[in-house]
């Protein structure tokens, strides 16, 4: 069995590695250009890859070898499990798989090329965000917010078609629905995830309720309206997933005259994790038709790691650059001696945790002083407000993540229910926002993750928990620091080395909770997040 599996892996790698590289590169090029032919090529290559994983003969071989349970080598056993789960998800009729890929690809193109229209002018997401962030005119805010939601009506029917197709596929493979399947195939127990979200709801509700009252009072004053008249467009972002500016500080002012790329480069170099090679291959500025969000991609698992951004000299884009290059250094420093199949992160949320660990630093006092060059006197004046801003950011995001997780779970459990109403019930319950009177539009579909990255969003909140756990360990065990709010690791190469050796290098050789326990001495827990931001 061992020799048979080794032969299987060799054949698999010969087929998949070159095709995988072509597919990832084609997707990267499509998101940069926005051209229909580039998206079509990306879809064609993904279909070719999917057909390999859909092979009934190969899956039967893997299933037989796995059932025999005679492979003793731990590296081979891990490869077998990863390949088995990868093939299992694709054991469907090839024509169905192709339909889903092409429909998904079409939606991706619609999101990339969509521009909100305000007063007969097409605006980018950055321009919409600028209006929501800076305007104090309620009519202007409502117009911009409403325009940004129009993409929902464009893609809603396609999303529902995809949901039904995904659920049908999950049922064929013996799963309750697609959402449950995605969690289980990524080594997550749906019941445990739900219990964790329930725990976080209880932990965050009192603190968020108190903060929400403070937010409302300050925003009502800003807009010169009553608290009762505050609507979703008054909260300075399209989904209230980011903290509104309620403290006497504008984080954008620290970056408006800064070179965001240079600061990112400087910081990672100080950890002895240089990113010069990664920056050279990335695409970081706005252009017509380009994907308007941000992502990191590993083209070949050999070091060609790239980031896509649309940067402006703002706090949010500084956060995003640190976030995306957190992903990038994770990918860069996975041990390339590992088998190709295991040369990726232990889990989606472990790489999200690293991205969040670094992204948080954009408002960290030590980082602002030591990297962004803000004076020590200024930092002392604002240090407490900086922490309060980060705490607000975390609590606001935590409540938003509840909406996303619970909506997606309900969507895949029953996509025929009144989703427009469900969305606003969740928003009102967890984010404490008012639904605009009479609004009955598919606002849920305007969130790109619902359309393009199903059953993914909960991993962001898990990533936040792990980021706090890693930060607590680094401060306690490596830096011997009793002031974690002031630690940004600038110039601390020991931190870089510890992350590389204990989190990045192992790749996918371990189950995610085993990796976390090996690195920090305990399995994933919410206690460090609670200690940092709630208690």
Protein backbone atom coordinates (compact mmCIF):
# COMPACT_ATOMS: atom_id res chain seq x y z
CA UNK A 1 0.00 0.00 0.00
CA UNK A 2 2.84 2.37 0.84
CA UNK A 3 4.50 1.89 -2.52
CA UNK A 4 1.18 2.12 -4.33
CA UNK A 5 0.44 5.42 -2.63
CA UNK A 6 3.90 6.81 -3.39
CA UNK A 7 3.29 5.99 -7.07
CA UNK A 8 -0.13 7.64 -6.87
CA UNK A 9 1.38 10.82 -5.44
CA UNK A 10 4.04 11.00 -8.16
CA UNK A 11 1.41 10.71 -10.89
CA UNK A 12 -0.81 13.22 -9.12
CA UNK A 13 1.99 15.77 -8.84
CA UNK A 14 2.98 15.33 -12.47
CA UNK A 15 -0.56 16.16 -13.57
CA UNK A 16 -1.52 18.79 -11.02
CA UNK A 17 1.54 20.93 -10.25
CA UNK A 18 1.97 22.55 -13.68
CA UNK A 19 -1.78 22.94 -14.18
CA UNK A 20 -2.23 24.42 -10.69
CA UNK A 21 0.40 27.06 -11.42
CA UNK A 22 -1.25 27.97 -14.72
CA UNK A 23 -4.68 28.23 -13.05
CA UNK A 24 -3.53 30.44 -10.17
CA UNK A 25 -1.57 32.67 -12.54
CA UNK A 26 -4.57 32.96 -14.88
CA UNK A 27 -6.80 33.99 -11.97
CA UNK A 28 -4.25 36.60 -10.87
CA UNK A 29 -4.12 38.03 -14.40
CA UNK A 30 -7.92 38.07 -14.68
CA UNK A 31 -8.37 40.02 -11.46
CA UNK A 32 -5.80 42.55 -12.63
CA UNK A 33 -7.26 43.07 -16.10
CA UNK A 34 -10.98 42.45 -15.55
CA UNK A 35 -11.11 41.10 -19.13
CA UNK A 36 -13.72 38.53 -19.99
CA UNK A 37 -11.24 36.37 -21.91
CA UNK A 38 -8.89 36.29 -18.91
CA UNK A 39 -11.69 35.18 -16.60
CA UNK A 40 -12.72 32.56 -19.17
CA UNK A 41 -9.17 31.18 -19.28
CA UNK A 42 -9.03 31.07 -15.46
CA UNK A 43 -12.32 29.14 -15.41
CA UNK A 44 -11.16 26.72 -18.11
CA UNK A 45 -8.01 25.89 -16.16
CA UNK A 46 -9.91 25.49 -12.90
CA UNK A 47 -12.26 23.09 -14.66
CA UNK A 48 -9.29 21.04 -15.87
CA UNK A 49 -7.96 20.86 -12.32
CA UNK A 50 -11.34 19.95 -10.94
CA UNK A 51 -11.72 17.11 -13.43
CA UNK A 52 -8.53 15.55 -12.09
CA UNK A 53 -9.92 15.65 -8.54
CA UNK A 54 -13.27 14.35 -9.80
CA UNK A 55 -11.72 11.11 -11.05
CA UNK A 56 -13.79 8.22 -9.67
CA UNK A 57 -10.95 5.78 -10.30
CA UNK A 58 -8.38 7.84 -8.38
CA UNK A 59 -10.81 8.40 -5.52
CA UNK A 60 -11.51 4.67 -5.29
CA UNK A 61 -7.76 4.07 -4.99
CA UNK A 62 -7.39 6.65 -2.24
CA UNK A 63 -10.44 5.31 -0.42
CA UNK A 64 -9.09 1.74 -0.54
CA UNK A 65 -5.61 2.74 0.68
CA UNK A 66 -7.10 4.88 3.45
CA UNK A 67 -9.45 2.08 4.59
CA UNK A 68 -6.56 -0.41 4.76
CA UNK A 69 -4.83 1.83 7.33
CA UNK A 70 -1.42 0.25 6.74
CA UNK A 71 0.68 3.32 5.91
CA UNK A 72 2.87 4.08 8.92
CA UNK A 73 4.97 7.00 7.68
CA UNK A 74 3.34 10.14 9.21
CA UNK A 75 4.17 12.37 6.24
CA UNK A 76 2.59 9.91 3.81
CA UNK A 77 -0.43 9.45 6.09
CA UNK A 78 -0.97 13.20 6.18
CA UNK A 79 -0.72 13.48 2.40
CA UNK A 80 -3.23 10.66 2.07
CA UNK A 81 -5.74 12.43 4.32
CA UNK A 82 -5.35 15.79 2.56
CA UNK A 83 -5.72 14.19 -0.88
CA UNK A 84 -8.68 12.09 0.21
CA UNK A 85 -10.61 15.14 1.43
CA UNK A 86 -9.67 17.11 -1.70
CA UNK A 87 -10.99 14.37 -3.97
CA UNK A 88 -14.08 13.72 -1.83
CA UNK A 89 -15.42 17.25 -2.39
CA UNK A 90 -15.22 16.80 -6.17
CA UNK A 91 -16.89 13.38 -6.50
CA UNK A 92 -19.73 14.74 -8.58
CA UNK A 93 -20.85 14.70 -12.16
CA UNK A 94 -18.24 16.66 -14.13
CA UNK A 95 -20.84 18.69 -15.98
CA UNK A 96 -22.28 19.91 -12.65
CA UNK A 97 -18.83 20.89 -11.43
CA UNK A 98 -18.19 22.79 -14.64
CA UNK A 99 -21.50 24.65 -14.37
CA UNK A 100 -20.67 25.76 -10.81
CA UNK A 101 -17.20 26.92 -11.75
CA UNK A 102 -18.41 28.94 -14.75
CA UNK A 103 -21.24 30.54 -12.77
CA UNK A 104 -18.85 31.37 -9.92
CA UNK A 105 -16.41 32.84 -12.42
CA UNK A 106 -19.15 34.97 -13.98
CA UNK A 107 -20.06 36.37 -10.58
CA UNK A 108 -16.43 37.14 -9.88
CA UNK A 109 -16.24 39.16 -13.07
CA UNK A 110 -19.41 41.07 -12.15
CA UNK A 111 -17.95 42.06 -8.78
CA UNK A 112 -14.62 43.06 -10.31
CA UNK A 113 -16.14 45.30 -12.95
CA UNK A 114 -19.06 46.72 -10.93
CA UNK A 115 -18.88 50.42 -10.13
CA UNK A 116 -21.53 52.10 -7.98
CA UNK A 117 -23.33 54.92 -9.81
CA UNK A 118 -23.94 58.16 -7.91
CA UNK A 119 -25.40 61.18 -9.69
CA UNK A 120 -24.60 59.64 -13.09
CA UNK A 121 -20.97 59.10 -12.08
CA UNK A 122 -19.41 55.67 -11.64
CA UNK A 123 -17.47 55.36 -8.39
CA UNK A 124 -14.93 52.78 -7.20
CA UNK A 125 -15.26 51.10 -3.81
CA UNK A 126 -12.49 53.38 -2.55
CA UNK A 127 -14.51 56.45 -3.61
CA UNK A 128 -17.69 55.11 -1.98
CA UNK A 129 -15.73 54.41 1.20
CA UNK A 130 -14.33 57.94 1.13
CA UNK A 131 -17.83 59.43 1.01
CA UNK A 132 -19.11 57.19 3.82
CA UNK A 133 -16.05 57.95 5.92
CA UNK A 134 -15.92 61.71 5.52
CA UNK A 135 -19.31 63.17 4.54
CA UNK A 136 -21.67 64.60 7.15
CA UNK A 137 -24.54 65.04 4.71
CA UNK A 138 -27.18 62.37 5.38
CA UNK A 139 -28.61 62.54 1.87
CA UNK A 140 -25.19 62.11 0.29
CA UNK A 141 -24.41 59.22 2.65
CA UNK A 142 -27.68 57.43 1.91
CA UNK A 143 -27.18 57.86 -1.84
CA UNK A 144 -23.65 56.41 -1.74
CA UNK A 145 -24.60 53.55 0.57
CA UNK A 146 -27.64 52.63 -1.52
CA UNK A 147 -25.61 52.73 -4.74
CA UNK A 148 -23.01 50.37 -3.27
CA UNK A 149 -25.75 47.80 -2.58
CA UNK A 150 -26.90 47.62 -6.21
CA UNK A 151 -24.41 44.84 -6.95
CA UNK A 152 -26.62 42.65 -4.75
CA UNK A 153 -29.50 42.80 -7.22
CA UNK A 154 -27.08 42.06 -10.06
CA UNK A 155 -25.78 38.81 -8.56
CA UNK A 156 -28.52 37.57 -6.17
CA UNK A 157 -30.21 35.16 -8.58
CA UNK A 158 -26.87 33.66 -9.61
CA UNK A 159 -25.89 33.22 -5.96
CA UNK A 160 -29.11 31.36 -5.24
CA UNK A 161 -28.52 29.12 -8.27
CA UNK A 162 -25.05 28.39 -6.91
CA UNK A 163 -26.38 27.70 -3.41
CA UNK A 164 -28.85 25.16 -4.77
CA UNK A 165 -26.19 23.52 -6.93
CA UNK A 166 -23.72 23.40 -4.03
CA UNK A 167 -26.33 21.91 -1.71
CA UNK A 168 -27.28 19.31 -4.30
CA UNK A 169 -23.60 18.39 -4.56
CA UNK A 170 -23.27 18.16 -0.77
CA UNK A 171 -26.34 15.93 -0.54
CA UNK A 172 -24.91 13.59 -3.19
CA UNK A 173 -21.79 13.25 -1.04
CA UNK A 174 -23.79 12.51 2.11
CA UNK A 175 -23.64 15.89 3.85
CA UNK A 176 -26.56 17.82 5.33
CA UNK A 177 -25.76 20.90 3.22
CA UNK A 178 -22.85 22.67 1.57
CA UNK A 179 -22.03 24.86 4.57
CA UNK A 180 -21.72 21.85 6.87
CA UNK A 181 -19.72 20.00 4.23
CA UNK A 182 -17.18 22.81 3.80
CA UNK A 183 -16.55 22.93 7.55
CA UNK A 184 -16.20 19.16 7.89
CA UNK A 185 -13.88 18.84 4.91
CA UNK A 186 -11.60 21.43 6.50
CA UNK A 187 -11.39 19.53 9.80
CA UNK A 188 -13.96 21.74 11.58
CA UNK A 189 -16.90 20.34 13.54
CA UNK A 190 -20.00 22.47 12.72
CA UNK A 191 -21.33 21.96 16.26
CA UNK A 192 -18.06 23.16 17.81
CA UNK A 193 -17.98 26.22 15.54
CA UNK A 194 -21.55 27.10 16.48
CA UNK A 195 -20.76 26.65 20.19
CA UNK A 196 -17.73 28.92 19.82
CA UNK A 197 -19.80 31.62 18.10
CA UNK A 198 -22.45 31.34 20.82
CA UNK A 199 -19.71 31.75 23.45
CA UNK A 200 -18.32 34.81 21.67
CA UNK A 201 -21.81 36.28 21.38
CA UNK A 202 -22.24 36.03 25.14
CA UNK A 203 -18.75 37.41 25.77
CA UNK A 204 -19.09 40.40 23.45
CA UNK A 205 -22.76 41.41 23.88
CA UNK A 206 -22.39 43.46 27.10
CA UNK A 207 -19.22 45.26 25.93
CA UNK A 208 -20.62 45.91 22.46
CA UNK A 209 -23.96 47.14 23.81
CA UNK A 210 -22.12 49.70 25.93
CA UNK A 211 -19.88 50.74 23.04
CA UNK A 212 -22.81 50.93 20.64
CA UNK A 213 -24.49 53.52 22.89
CA UNK A 214 -21.29 55.55 22.82
CA UNK A 215 -21.05 55.18 19.02
CA UNK A 216 -24.64 56.29 18.54
CA UNK A 217 -24.31 59.33 20.79
CA UNK A 218 -21.17 60.52 19.04
CA UNK A 219 -22.42 59.85 15.51
CA UNK A 220 -25.73 61.58 16.20
CA UNK A 221 -23.77 64.62 17.30
CA UNK A 222 -21.53 64.40 14.23
CA UNK A 223 -24.50 64.37 11.84
CA UNK A 224 -26.64 66.71 13.94
CA UNK A 225 -29.51 64.24 14.12
CA UNK A 226 -31.18 62.30 16.92
CA UNK A 227 -29.95 58.80 17.87
CA UNK A 228 -33.32 57.46 16.69
CA UNK A 229 -32.61 58.81 13.19
CA UNK A 230 -29.27 57.02 12.75
CA UNK A 231 -29.34 54.64 9.79
CA UNK A 232 -26.81 52.12 8.40
CA UNK A 233 -25.23 54.73 6.11
CA UNK A 234 -24.22 56.81 9.13
CA UNK A 235 -21.74 54.21 10.43
CA UNK A 236 -18.95 55.09 7.99
CA UNK A 237 -18.70 51.80 6.11
CA UNK A 238 -20.85 49.77 3.77
CA UNK A 239 -21.52 46.96 6.27
CA UNK A 240 -20.52 48.41 9.67
CA UNK A 241 -17.73 45.86 9.72
CA UNK A 242 -15.13 48.51 10.56
CA UNK A 243 -15.10 50.82 13.55
CA UNK A 244 -16.52 54.30 12.91
CA UNK A 245 -14.37 57.27 13.85
CA UNK A 246 -15.80 58.23 17.24
CA UNK A 247 -12.66 59.04 19.17
CA UNK A 248 -10.78 62.29 18.90
CA UNK A 249 -8.29 60.80 16.50
CA UNK A 250 -8.12 60.33 12.76
CA UNK A 251 -5.86 57.38 12.04
CA UNK A 252 -5.69 58.42 8.39
CA UNK A 253 -3.63 61.48 9.36
CA UNK A 254 -0.70 59.25 10.31
CA UNK A 255 -0.53 57.82 6.79
CA UNK A 256 -1.67 60.58 4.44
CA UNK A 257 1.91 61.58 3.62
CA UNK A 258 3.47 58.14 4.01
CA UNK A 259 4.65 55.56 1.49
CA UNK A 260 2.51 52.59 2.51
CA UNK A 261 4.63 50.16 0.50
CA UNK A 262 7.89 51.40 2.01
CA UNK A 263 6.55 51.10 5.57
CA UNK A 264 5.38 47.52 4.93
CA UNK A 265 8.74 46.59 3.43
CA UNK A 266 10.66 48.24 6.29
CA UNK A 267 8.64 46.46 8.96
CA UNK A 268 8.94 42.93 7.65
CA UNK A 269 12.65 43.44 7.00
CA UNK A 270 13.04 44.34 10.70
CA UNK A 271 11.73 40.87 11.59
CA UNK A 272 14.25 39.31 9.18
CA UNK A 273 11.38 38.38 6.85
CA UNK A 274 12.20 40.50 3.78
CA UNK A 275 9.39 40.92 1.24
CA UNK A 276 11.26 42.70 -1.60
CA UNK A 277 10.72 39.73 -3.94
CA UNK A 278 7.02 39.56 -3.04
CA UNK A 279 6.50 43.28 -3.67
CA UNK A 280 8.10 43.09 -7.11
CA UNK A 281 5.53 40.57 -8.33
CA UNK A 282 2.48 42.19 -6.71
CA UNK A 283 -0.10 44.58 -8.18
CA UNK A 284 -0.91 47.25 -5.63
CA UNK A 285 -2.67 50.24 -7.23
CA UNK A 286 -6.11 50.91 -8.72
CA UNK A 287 -6.82 50.48 -12.40
CA UNK A 288 -9.91 50.23 -14.58
CA UNK A 289 -11.64 46.84 -14.39
CA UNK A 290 -9.34 45.56 -11.65
CA UNK A 291 -10.59 43.58 -8.65
CA UNK A 292 -11.33 46.21 -6.01
CA UNK A 293 -10.55 44.27 -2.88
CA UNK A 294 -7.31 42.68 -1.70
CA UNK A 295 -5.89 39.17 -1.61
CA UNK A 296 -2.66 37.20 -1.48
CA UNK A 297 -1.94 34.21 -3.68
CA UNK A 298 0.82 31.62 -3.86
CA UNK A 299 1.36 30.99 -7.56
CA UNK A 300 3.53 27.87 -7.42
CA UNK A 301 4.33 26.89 -3.79
CA UNK A 302 7.95 27.55 -4.75
CA UNK A 303 8.21 31.18 -3.64
CA UNK A 304 6.22 33.11 -6.26
CA UNK A 305 3.82 34.78 -3.81
CA UNK A 306 1.85 37.87 -4.90
CA UNK A 307 -0.51 40.41 -3.40
CA UNK A 308 -3.30 42.39 -5.05
CA UNK A 309 -4.32 45.70 -3.43
CA UNK A 310 -5.70 49.11 -4.42
CA UNK A 311 -3.75 51.18 -1.96
CA UNK A 312 -4.26 54.76 -0.89
CA UNK A 313 -2.35 56.53 1.92
CA UNK A 314 -4.95 55.66 4.56
CA UNK A 315 -5.08 53.71 7.81
CA UNK A 316 -7.32 51.01 6.30
CA UNK A 317 -4.89 50.37 3.46
CA UNK A 318 -1.94 50.30 5.87
CA UNK A 319 -3.84 47.69 7.87
CA UNK A 320 -4.62 45.81 4.64
CA UNK A 321 -1.01 45.84 3.41
CA UNK A 322 0.26 44.47 6.73
CA UNK A 323 -2.56 41.92 6.63
CA UNK A 324 -1.90 40.72 3.08
CA UNK A 325 1.86 40.54 3.54
CA UNK A 326 1.20 38.57 6.72
CA UNK A 327 -0.40 35.99 4.43
CA UNK A 328 2.50 36.40 2.04
CA UNK A 329 5.31 35.73 4.52
CA UNK A 330 3.42 32.69 5.79
CA UNK A 331 3.38 31.29 2.25
CA UNK A 332 6.95 32.33 1.56
CA UNK A 333 8.40 30.57 4.60
CA UNK A 334 6.54 27.26 4.42
CA UNK A 335 9.27 24.64 4.20
CA UNK A 336 9.77 23.96 0.49
CA UNK A 337 11.26 20.57 1.30
CA UNK A 338 7.77 19.40 2.27
CA UNK A 339 5.77 17.35 -0.23
CA UNK A 340 3.91 19.65 -2.60
CA UNK A 341 0.51 18.58 -1.24
CA UNK A 342 1.47 19.76 2.26
CA UNK A 343 3.12 22.99 1.15
CA UNK A 344 0.27 25.25 2.28
CA UNK A 345 -1.04 26.70 5.54
CA UNK A 346 -2.29 24.36 8.25
CA UNK A 347 -5.73 25.88 7.78
CA UNK A 348 -7.40 28.88 6.18
CA UNK A 349 -7.78 30.52 9.58
CA UNK A 350 -4.17 29.96 10.68
CA UNK A 351 -2.97 32.12 7.80
CA UNK A 352 -5.78 34.60 8.57
CA UNK A 353 -4.47 34.74 12.14
CA UNK A 354 -1.01 35.77 10.98
CA UNK A 355 -2.52 38.37 8.64
CA UNK A 356 -4.57 39.79 11.52
CA UNK A 357 -1.65 39.70 13.94
CA UNK A 358 0.23 42.06 11.63
CA UNK A 359 -2.78 44.06 10.40
CA UNK A 360 -3.59 45.13 13.96
CA UNK A 361 -0.24 46.88 14.16
CA UNK A 362 -1.39 49.76 11.93
CA UNK A 363 -2.85 51.39 15.07
CA UNK A 364 -0.28 50.08 17.55
CA UNK A 365 1.58 52.83 19.48
CA UNK A 366 5.00 51.19 19.18
CA UNK A 367 4.53 50.58 15.45
CA UNK A 368 3.40 54.13 14.79
CA UNK A 369 6.43 55.50 16.62
CA UNK A 370 9.11 53.07 15.45
CA UNK A 371 7.98 52.47 11.87
CA UNK A 372 5.63 55.29 10.84
CA UNK A 373 7.82 57.88 12.55
CA UNK A 374 5.22 59.53 14.79
CA UNK A 375 6.87 61.42 17.65
CA UNK A 376 7.11 59.83 21.09
CA UNK A 377 5.32 62.82 22.63
CA UNK A 378 2.41 62.45 20.24
CA UNK A 379 2.22 58.72 20.91
CA UNK A 380 2.04 59.28 24.67
CA UNK A 381 -0.86 61.66 24.15
CA UNK A 382 -2.86 59.21 22.06
CA UNK A 383 -1.77 55.74 23.28
CA UNK A 384 -4.95 55.09 25.26
CA UNK A 385 -7.18 56.27 22.41
CA UNK A 386 -5.26 54.02 20.02
CA UNK A 387 -6.05 51.00 22.16
CA UNK A 388 -9.68 52.03 22.54
CA UNK A 389 -9.87 52.34 18.74
CA UNK A 390 -8.45 48.84 18.28
CA UNK A 391 -10.82 47.44 20.90
CA UNK A 392 -13.75 49.12 19.15
CA UNK A 393 -12.56 47.73 15.83
CA UNK A 394 -12.41 44.21 17.24
CA UNK A 395 -15.82 44.33 18.87
CA UNK A 396 -17.47 45.85 15.80
CA UNK A 397 -15.90 43.17 13.60
CA UNK A 398 -16.81 40.38 16.00
CA UNK A 399 -20.50 41.34 15.84
CA UNK A 400 -20.38 41.65 12.06
CA UNK A 401 -18.79 38.19 11.80
CA UNK A 402 -21.76 36.83 13.78
CA UNK A 403 -24.08 38.18 11.06
CA UNK A 404 -22.05 36.60 8.28
CA UNK A 405 -21.64 33.21 9.94
CA UNK A 406 -25.29 32.89 10.95
CA UNK A 407 -26.62 34.18 7.63
CA UNK A 408 -24.54 31.76 5.57
CA UNK A 409 -25.44 28.85 7.82
CA UNK A 410 -29.15 29.68 7.44
CA UNK A 411 -28.77 30.34 3.71
CA UNK A 412 -27.50 26.82 3.06
CA UNK A 413 -29.97 25.25 5.47
CA UNK A 414 -32.90 26.85 3.62
CA UNK A 415 -32.29 29.16 0.68
CA UNK A 416 -36.04 29.45 -0.04
CA UNK A 417 -36.79 31.49 3.08
CA UNK A 418 -37.15 35.28 3.01
CA UNK A 419 -33.42 36.05 2.89
CA UNK A 420 -33.84 39.82 2.64
CA UNK A 421 -35.74 39.84 5.94
CA UNK A 422 -33.40 37.31 7.56
CA UNK A 423 -30.39 39.49 6.71
CA UNK A 424 -31.84 42.55 8.40
CA UNK A 425 -33.03 40.56 11.42
CA UNK A 426 -29.45 39.41 11.97
CA UNK A 427 -28.05 42.91 11.37
CA UNK A 428 -30.51 44.37 13.87
CA UNK A 429 -29.83 41.64 16.43
CA UNK A 430 -26.02 41.44 16.34
CA UNK A 431 -24.98 44.87 15.04
CA UNK A 432 -27.91 46.81 16.52
CA UNK A 433 -28.53 48.76 13.32
CA UNK A 434 -31.95 49.90 12.10
CA UNK A 435 -33.32 48.51 8.87
CA UNK A 436 -34.24 51.34 6.48
CA UNK A 437 -38.02 51.65 6.35
CA UNK A 438 -39.59 49.57 3.60
CA UNK A 439 -36.24 48.21 2.32
CA UNK A 440 -36.65 44.81 0.67
CA UNK A 441 -33.58 44.22 -1.49
CA UNK A 442 -30.96 41.45 -1.51
CA UNK A 443 -28.43 43.44 0.50
CA UNK A 444 -26.94 40.14 1.67
CA UNK A 445 -25.80 39.50 -1.90
CA UNK A 446 -23.77 42.72 -2.01
CA UNK A 447 -21.18 41.18 0.34
CA UNK A 448 -18.58 39.63 -1.92
CA UNK A 449 -17.86 36.73 0.44
CA UNK A 450 -21.45 35.46 0.27
CA UNK A 451 -21.15 35.33 -3.50
CA UNK A 452 -17.59 34.16 -4.02
CA UNK A 453 -16.13 32.67 -0.84
CA UNK A 454 -18.84 30.49 0.72
CA UNK A 455 -18.49 29.13 4.26
CA UNK A 456 -15.27 31.09 4.71
CA UNK A 457 -16.10 34.13 6.79
CA UNK A 458 -16.21 32.44 10.20
CA UNK A 459 -12.50 31.76 9.74
CA UNK A 460 -11.78 35.46 10.07
CA UNK A 461 -13.11 35.47 13.63
CA UNK A 462 -11.26 32.25 14.43
CA UNK A 463 -8.20 34.01 13.04
CA UNK A 464 -8.74 36.90 15.45
CA UNK A 465 -8.86 34.46 18.37
CA UNK A 466 -5.63 32.81 17.26
CA UNK A 467 -3.94 36.17 16.60
CA UNK A 468 -4.59 37.09 20.25
CA UNK A 469 -3.34 33.70 21.40
CA UNK A 470 -0.13 34.06 19.37
CA UNK A 471 0.37 37.64 20.57
CA UNK A 472 -0.07 36.58 24.20
CA UNK A 473 2.50 33.82 23.77
CA UNK A 474 5.00 36.08 21.99
CA UNK A 475 4.74 38.76 24.67
CA UNK A 476 4.91 36.31 27.56
CA UNK A 477 7.47 33.77 26.38
CA UNK A 478 9.64 35.53 23.79
CA UNK A 479 9.61 39.22 24.66
CA UNK A 480 9.02 38.72 28.41
CA UNK A 481 6.79 41.79 28.22
CA UNK A 482 4.15 42.81 30.72
CA UNK A 483 2.67 45.44 28.41
CA UNK A 484 1.25 43.61 25.36
CA UNK A 485 -0.65 46.69 24.16
CA UNK A 486 2.69 48.38 23.43
CA UNK A 487 4.38 45.47 21.63
CA UNK A 488 4.77 45.56 17.84
CA UNK A 489 7.88 43.32 17.54
CA UNK A 490 9.75 45.98 15.54
CA UNK A 491 13.31 44.75 15.03
CA UNK A 492 12.66 41.65 17.13
CA UNK A 493 14.09 38.99 14.85
CA UNK A 494 13.43 36.34 17.52
CA UNK A 495 9.72 36.82 16.89
CA UNK A 496 10.20 36.37 13.14
CA UNK A 497 12.28 33.23 13.71
CA UNK A 498 9.72 31.77 16.12
CA UNK A 499 6.86 32.33 13.69
CA UNK A 500 8.82 30.83 10.81
CA UNK A 501 9.87 27.74 12.75
CA UNK A 502 6.68 27.06 14.70
CA UNK A 503 3.85 28.32 12.50
CA UNK A 504 5.00 28.77 8.89
CA UNK A 505 7.47 25.95 8.20
CA UNK A 506 5.22 23.04 9.25
CA UNK A 507 2.78 23.90 6.44
CA UNK A 508 -0.10 21.44 6.33
CA UNK A 509 1.74 18.59 8.06
CA UNK A 510 -0.39 18.96 11.20
CA UNK A 511 -4.05 19.36 12.01
CA UNK A 512 -4.67 23.01 12.87
CA UNK A 513 -5.30 22.47 16.57
CA UNK A 514 -2.17 20.33 16.89
CA UNK A 515 -0.13 23.08 15.21
CA UNK A 516 -1.58 25.67 17.62
CA UNK A 517 -0.89 23.47 20.65
CA UNK A 518 2.68 22.74 19.51
CA UNK A 519 3.32 26.46 19.02
CA UNK A 520 1.61 27.95 22.08
CA UNK A 521 1.22 25.07 24.53
CA UNK A 522 -2.59 25.04 24.32
CA UNK A 523 -5.30 24.40 21.77
CA UNK A 524 -7.33 27.26 20.28
CA UNK A 525 -9.10 29.22 23.00
CA UNK A 526 -11.11 32.46 23.23
CA UNK A 527 -9.59 33.44 26.59
CA UNK A 528 -6.69 35.48 25.16
CA UNK A 529 -9.02 37.41 22.83
CA UNK A 530 -11.32 38.09 25.78
CA UNK A 531 -8.40 39.21 27.96
CA UNK A 532 -7.12 41.53 25.24
CA UNK A 533 -10.34 43.17 24.10
CA UNK A 534 -13.31 42.34 26.34
CA UNK A 535 -12.37 41.95 29.99
